[in-house]
Amino acid sequence: MTSFLIAFEPVIVVVHFIMAFILIGVILLQAGKGTDIGAVFGAGAKAVFGSSDKGNIFTKLTTVAAIMFLITSLSLATISKFHVSGAKSVVESSVVADSIETEAAAVEEGAAE
């Protein structure tokens, strides 16, 4: 699975950027719910807690764009994990770094004596 993701990394990055811009655009194009002055004083409680309508095309596009953005984000995070650490966790990398520092300190102490 990861070799598939690594092979398609440039495509995933492009799709990720496109989804980010689509998500921003669709959110900005949506009409606000309860944008009148009555919403401030409690008359817009229906708008705050959700309305009974199914939503328009912008709501559906926002959902699709958000799901695609989440999938590409997780894919890029997985690819990054294998590029940086060679499939090691952060804890394993920290243990290796600590052992290297300990060995280096022991060598320096031996050379100083």
N, C-alpha and C. Protein backbone atom coordinates (compact mmCIF):
# COMPACT_ATOMS: atom_id res chain seq x y z
N MET A 1 0.83 -1.20 0.00
CA MET A 1 0.00 0.00 0.00
C MET A 1 0.86 1.25 0.00
N THR A 2 1.93 1.24 0.81
CA THR A 2 2.76 2.44 0.89
C THR A 2 3.55 2.68 -0.39
N SER A 3 3.94 1.62 -1.07
CA SER A 3 4.64 1.81 -2.35
C SER A 3 3.71 2.45 -3.38
N PHE A 4 2.43 2.11 -3.31
CA PHE A 4 1.44 2.75 -4.18
C PHE A 4 1.34 4.23 -3.87
N LEU A 5 1.30 4.57 -2.58
CA LEU A 5 1.20 5.97 -2.18
C LEU A 5 2.45 6.75 -2.57
N ILE A 6 3.61 6.14 -2.38
CA ILE A 6 4.86 6.82 -2.72
C ILE A 6 4.95 7.05 -4.23
N ALA A 7 4.46 6.11 -5.02
CA ALA A 7 4.50 6.27 -6.47
C ALA A 7 3.60 7.41 -6.94
N PHE A 8 2.50 7.61 -6.26
CA PHE A 8 1.54 8.64 -6.66
C PHE A 8 1.64 9.90 -5.79
N GLU A 9 2.77 10.11 -5.13
CA GLU A 9 2.91 11.28 -4.26
C GLU A 9 2.70 12.60 -4.99
N PRO A 10 3.29 12.82 -6.17
CA PRO A 10 3.04 14.10 -6.85
C PRO A 10 1.57 14.32 -7.19
N VAL A 11 0.89 13.26 -7.59
CA VAL A 11 -0.54 13.37 -7.91
C VAL A 11 -1.33 13.70 -6.65
N ILE A 12 -0.99 13.06 -5.55
CA ILE A 12 -1.69 13.32 -4.29
C ILE A 12 -1.47 14.75 -3.83
N VAL A 13 -0.26 15.27 -4.01
CA VAL A 13 0.02 16.66 -3.61
C VAL A 13 -0.81 17.63 -4.45
N VAL A 14 -0.90 17.39 -5.76
CA VAL A 14 -1.69 18.27 -6.63
C VAL A 14 -3.17 18.21 -6.24
N VAL A 15 -3.69 17.01 -6.02
CA VAL A 15 -5.09 16.87 -5.61
C VAL A 15 -5.31 17.54 -4.26
N HIS A 16 -4.35 17.45 -3.37
CA HIS A 16 -4.46 18.07 -2.05
C HIS A 16 -4.59 19.59 -2.18
N PHE A 17 -3.74 20.20 -3.00
CA PHE A 17 -3.82 21.65 -3.19
C PHE A 17 -5.13 22.05 -3.86
N ILE A 18 -5.57 21.30 -4.84
CA ILE A 18 -6.84 21.61 -5.50
C ILE A 18 -7.99 21.51 -4.52
N MET A 19 -8.01 20.47 -3.70
CA MET A 19 -9.07 20.31 -2.71
C MET A 19 -9.04 21.43 -1.67
N ALA A 20 -7.85 21.88 -1.31
CA ALA A 20 -7.75 22.99 -0.34
C ALA A 20 -8.38 24.25 -0.91
N PHE A 21 -8.07 24.58 -2.16
CA PHE A 21 -8.64 25.78 -2.76
C PHE A 21 -10.14 25.64 -3.01
N ILE A 22 -10.58 24.45 -3.41
CA ILE A 22 -12.02 24.23 -3.60
C ILE A 22 -12.74 24.35 -2.27
N LEU A 23 -12.17 23.78 -1.22
CA LEU A 23 -12.79 23.85 0.10
C LEU A 23 -12.90 25.28 0.59
N ILE A 24 -11.85 26.06 0.41
CA ILE A 24 -11.89 27.48 0.80
C ILE A 24 -12.95 28.22 0.00
N GLY A 25 -12.97 28.01 -1.31
CA GLY A 25 -13.94 28.69 -2.16
C GLY A 25 -15.37 28.34 -1.84
N VAL A 26 -15.65 27.07 -1.64
CA VAL A 26 -17.02 26.63 -1.37
C VAL A 26 -17.49 27.16 -0.02
N ILE A 27 -16.62 27.18 0.96
CA ILE A 27 -17.00 27.70 2.27
C ILE A 27 -17.30 29.18 2.18
N LEU A 28 -16.49 29.91 1.43
CA LEU A 28 -16.73 31.35 1.32
C LEU A 28 -17.97 31.67 0.49
N LEU A 29 -18.37 30.80 -0.42
CA LEU A 29 -19.56 31.05 -1.24
C LEU A 29 -20.86 30.72 -0.53
N GLN A 30 -20.80 29.98 0.56
CA GLN A 30 -22.03 29.59 1.24
C GLN A 30 -22.67 30.78 1.92
N ALA A 31 -23.98 30.80 1.89
CA ALA A 31 -24.72 31.83 2.60
C ALA A 31 -24.76 31.46 4.08
N GLY A 32 -24.51 32.44 4.92
CA GLY A 32 -24.52 32.17 6.35
C GLY A 32 -25.92 31.92 6.86
N LYS A 33 -26.03 31.07 7.85
CA LYS A 33 -27.32 30.78 8.46
C LYS A 33 -27.48 31.71 9.65
N GLY A 34 -28.58 32.39 9.72
CA GLY A 34 -28.85 33.28 10.84
C GLY A 34 -27.98 34.52 10.81
N THR A 35 -27.82 35.11 9.64
CA THR A 35 -26.95 36.27 9.53
C THR A 35 -27.65 37.57 9.85
N ASP A 36 -28.93 37.53 10.14
CA ASP A 36 -29.63 38.77 10.48
C ASP A 36 -29.40 39.13 11.95
N ILE A 37 -29.83 40.28 12.35
CA ILE A 37 -29.61 40.77 13.71
C ILE A 37 -30.38 39.95 14.75
N GLY A 38 -31.45 39.30 14.32
CA GLY A 38 -32.23 38.49 15.25
C GLY A 38 -31.47 37.27 15.74
N ALA A 39 -30.48 36.83 15.01
CA ALA A 39 -29.69 35.67 15.42
C ALA A 39 -28.85 35.98 16.65
N VAL A 40 -28.51 37.24 16.82
CA VAL A 40 -27.70 37.63 17.98
C VAL A 40 -28.50 37.50 19.27
N PHE A 41 -29.81 37.78 19.20
CA PHE A 41 -30.63 37.80 20.41
C PHE A 41 -31.43 36.53 20.62
N GLY A 42 -31.10 35.47 19.95
CA GLY A 42 -31.75 34.19 20.21
C GLY A 42 -32.80 33.79 19.21
N ALA A 43 -33.17 34.66 18.30
CA ALA A 43 -34.18 34.28 17.31
C ALA A 43 -33.62 33.31 16.29
N GLY A 44 -32.32 33.21 16.23
CA GLY A 44 -31.70 32.31 15.25
C GLY A 44 -31.30 30.98 15.85
N ALA A 45 -31.97 30.55 16.90
CA ALA A 45 -31.62 29.28 17.53
C ALA A 45 -31.77 28.11 16.57
N LYS A 46 -32.74 28.22 15.67
CA LYS A 46 -32.92 27.17 14.68
C LYS A 46 -31.69 27.09 13.77
N ALA A 47 -31.14 28.24 13.43
CA ALA A 47 -29.97 28.26 12.56
C ALA A 47 -28.73 27.77 13.29
N VAL A 48 -28.64 28.03 14.59
CA VAL A 48 -27.48 27.61 15.36
C VAL A 48 -27.46 26.10 15.53
N PHE A 49 -28.62 25.53 15.82
CA PHE A 49 -28.68 24.10 16.09
C PHE A 49 -29.00 23.28 14.85
N GLY A 50 -29.03 23.90 13.71
CA GLY A 50 -29.28 23.18 12.47
C GLY A 50 -30.71 23.35 12.02
N SER A 51 -30.89 23.37 10.73
CA SER A 51 -32.23 23.52 10.18
C SER A 51 -32.71 22.19 9.62
N SER A 52 -33.96 22.17 9.23
CA SER A 52 -34.53 20.91 8.77
C SER A 52 -34.31 20.67 7.28
N ASP A 53 -33.75 21.65 6.55
CA ASP A 53 -33.55 21.43 5.12
C ASP A 53 -32.36 20.50 4.88
N LYS A 54 -32.36 19.89 3.72
CA LYS A 54 -31.32 18.90 3.38
C LYS A 54 -30.01 19.56 2.98
N GLY A 55 -30.01 20.82 2.64
CA GLY A 55 -28.80 21.49 2.21
C GLY A 55 -28.76 21.64 0.71
N ASN A 56 -28.02 22.62 0.28
CA ASN A 56 -27.93 22.87 -1.15
C ASN A 56 -26.66 22.25 -1.72
N ILE A 57 -26.33 22.60 -2.92
CA ILE A 57 -25.18 22.01 -3.60
C ILE A 57 -23.87 22.38 -2.91
N PHE A 58 -23.82 23.60 -2.32
CA PHE A 58 -22.60 24.02 -1.64
C PHE A 58 -22.32 23.17 -0.40
N THR A 59 -23.36 22.78 0.29
CA THR A 59 -23.19 21.91 1.47
C THR A 59 -22.63 20.56 1.05
N LYS A 60 -23.15 20.02 -0.02
CA LYS A 60 -22.67 18.72 -0.51
C LYS A 60 -21.24 18.82 -1.04
N LEU A 61 -20.94 19.91 -1.76
CA LEU A 61 -19.57 20.10 -2.25
C LEU A 61 -18.59 20.27 -1.10
N THR A 62 -19.01 20.96 -0.04
CA THR A 62 -18.14 21.13 1.13
C THR A 62 -17.83 19.78 1.76
N THR A 63 -18.84 18.94 1.87
CA THR A 63 -18.64 17.62 2.46
C THR A 63 -17.68 16.77 1.63
N VAL A 64 -17.88 16.76 0.33
CA VAL A 64 -17.01 15.97 -0.55
C VAL A 64 -15.59 16.51 -0.52
N ALA A 65 -15.44 17.84 -0.60
CA ALA A 65 -14.10 18.44 -0.58
C ALA A 65 -13.40 18.18 0.74
N ALA A 66 -14.13 18.24 1.84
CA ALA A 66 -13.53 17.99 3.15
C ALA A 66 -13.07 16.54 3.29
N ILE A 67 -13.87 15.61 2.80
CA ILE A 67 -13.49 14.19 2.86
C ILE A 67 -12.26 13.93 1.99
N MET A 68 -12.24 14.51 0.79
CA MET A 68 -11.08 14.33 -0.09
C MET A 68 -9.83 14.96 0.51
N PHE A 69 -9.99 16.14 1.14
CA PHE A 69 -8.86 16.81 1.78
C PHE A 69 -8.32 15.95 2.93
N LEU A 70 -9.22 15.35 3.70
CA LEU A 70 -8.81 14.48 4.80
C LEU A 70 -8.06 13.26 4.29
N ILE A 71 -8.55 12.65 3.23
CA ILE A 71 -7.90 11.45 2.66
C ILE A 71 -6.51 11.80 2.14
N THR A 72 -6.39 12.92 1.41
CA THR A 72 -5.07 13.30 0.90
C THR A 72 -4.13 13.69 2.03
N SER A 73 -4.65 14.31 3.08
CA SER A 73 -3.81 14.66 4.23
C SER A 73 -3.24 13.42 4.90
N LEU A 74 -4.09 12.44 5.12
CA LEU A 74 -3.63 11.19 5.74
C LEU A 74 -2.65 10.45 4.84
N SER A 75 -2.89 10.48 3.53
CA SER A 75 -1.97 9.83 2.59
C SER A 75 -0.61 10.49 2.61
N LEU A 76 -0.59 11.83 2.61
CA LEU A 76 0.69 12.55 2.64
C LEU A 76 1.42 12.35 3.97
N ALA A 77 0.67 12.23 5.05
CA ALA A 77 1.30 11.95 6.35
C ALA A 77 1.94 10.57 6.35
N THR A 78 1.28 9.60 5.76
CA THR A 78 1.83 8.25 5.66
C THR A 78 3.09 8.23 4.81
N ILE A 79 3.05 8.94 3.68
CA ILE A 79 4.22 9.02 2.80
C ILE A 79 5.38 9.69 3.53
N SER A 80 5.08 10.76 4.25
CA SER A 80 6.12 11.48 4.98
C SER A 80 6.76 10.60 6.04
N LYS A 81 5.97 9.77 6.68
CA LYS A 81 6.51 8.88 7.71
C LYS A 81 7.56 7.95 7.10
N PHE A 82 7.30 7.41 5.93
CA PHE A 82 8.23 6.47 5.32
C PHE A 82 9.43 7.16 4.68
N HIS A 83 9.27 8.41 4.26
CA HIS A 83 10.40 9.15 3.70
C HIS A 83 11.40 9.56 4.78
N VAL A 84 10.90 10.03 5.89
CA VAL A 84 11.76 10.61 6.92
C VAL A 84 12.43 9.55 7.77
N SER A 85 11.68 8.63 8.29
CA SER A 85 12.23 7.73 9.30
C SER A 85 12.41 6.30 8.82
N GLY A 86 12.11 6.00 7.62
CA GLY A 86 12.24 4.62 7.16
C GLY A 86 11.30 3.70 7.89
N ALA A 87 10.06 4.13 8.10
CA ALA A 87 9.01 3.35 8.74
C ALA A 87 9.26 3.13 10.23
N LYS A 88 9.96 4.07 10.86
CA LYS A 88 10.14 3.98 12.31
C LYS A 88 9.24 5.00 12.99
N SER A 89 8.86 4.71 14.21
CA SER A 89 8.05 5.65 14.95
C SER A 89 8.93 6.72 15.57
N VAL A 90 8.32 7.75 16.11
CA VAL A 90 9.06 8.83 16.75
C VAL A 90 9.81 8.31 17.97
N VAL A 91 9.20 7.40 18.71
CA VAL A 91 9.84 6.86 19.91
C VAL A 91 11.07 6.05 19.53
N GLU A 92 10.99 5.22 18.49
CA GLU A 92 12.14 4.44 18.06
C GLU A 92 13.27 5.34 17.58
N SER A 93 12.94 6.40 16.87
CA SER A 93 13.96 7.35 16.41
C SER A 93 14.63 8.04 17.58
N SER A 94 13.87 8.36 18.62
CA SER A 94 14.41 9.03 19.80
C SER A 94 15.35 8.10 20.56
N VAL A 95 15.01 6.82 20.66
CA VAL A 95 15.85 5.86 21.35
C VAL A 95 17.17 5.70 20.61
N VAL A 96 17.12 5.64 19.30
CA VAL A 96 18.34 5.51 18.50
C VAL A 96 19.21 6.75 18.67
N ALA A 97 18.62 7.93 18.66
CA ALA A 97 19.38 9.17 18.81
C ALA A 97 20.02 9.24 20.19
N ASP A 98 19.30 8.82 21.23
CA ASP A 98 19.85 8.82 22.59
C ASP A 98 21.02 7.85 22.71
N SER A 99 20.92 6.68 22.10
CA SER A 99 22.01 5.71 22.18
C SER A 99 23.25 6.21 21.44
N ILE A 100 23.05 6.91 20.32
CA ILE A 100 24.19 7.48 19.58
C ILE A 100 24.87 8.55 20.42
N GLU A 101 24.09 9.41 21.08
CA GLU A 101 24.67 10.45 21.93
C GLU A 101 25.43 9.84 23.10
N THR A 102 24.91 8.78 23.69
CA THR A 102 25.57 8.12 24.81
C THR A 102 26.90 7.51 24.37
N GLU A 103 26.91 6.87 23.21
CA GLU A 103 28.14 6.28 22.70
C GLU A 103 29.17 7.36 22.37
N ALA A 104 28.72 8.47 21.82
CA ALA A 104 29.63 9.57 21.49
C ALA A 104 30.25 10.16 22.76
N ALA A 105 29.43 10.28 23.81
CA ALA A 105 29.95 10.81 25.09
C ALA A 105 30.97 9.85 25.68
N ALA A 106 30.73 8.55 25.57
CA ALA A 106 31.67 7.56 26.11
C ALA A 106 32.99 7.60 25.34
N VAL A 107 32.94 7.77 24.06
CA VAL A 107 34.16 7.87 23.25
C VAL A 107 34.93 9.12 23.61
N GLU A 108 34.25 10.24 23.83
CA GLU A 108 34.92 11.48 24.19
C GLU A 108 35.58 11.37 25.57
N GLU A 109 34.94 10.68 26.51
CA GLU A 109 35.51 10.51 27.84
C GLU A 109 36.74 9.62 27.76
N GLY A 110 36.69 8.59 26.92
CA GLY A 110 37.83 7.70 26.75
C GLY A 110 39.01 8.43 26.10
N ALA A 111 38.74 9.31 25.19
CA ALA A 111 39.81 10.07 24.51
C ALA A 111 40.39 11.12 25.43
N ALA A 112 39.61 11.64 26.36
CA ALA A 112 40.10 12.69 27.27
C ALA A 112 41.03 12.12 28.33
N GLU A 113 40.90 10.85 28.65
CA GLU A 113 41.71 10.25 29.71
C GLU A 113 43.07 9.95 29.27
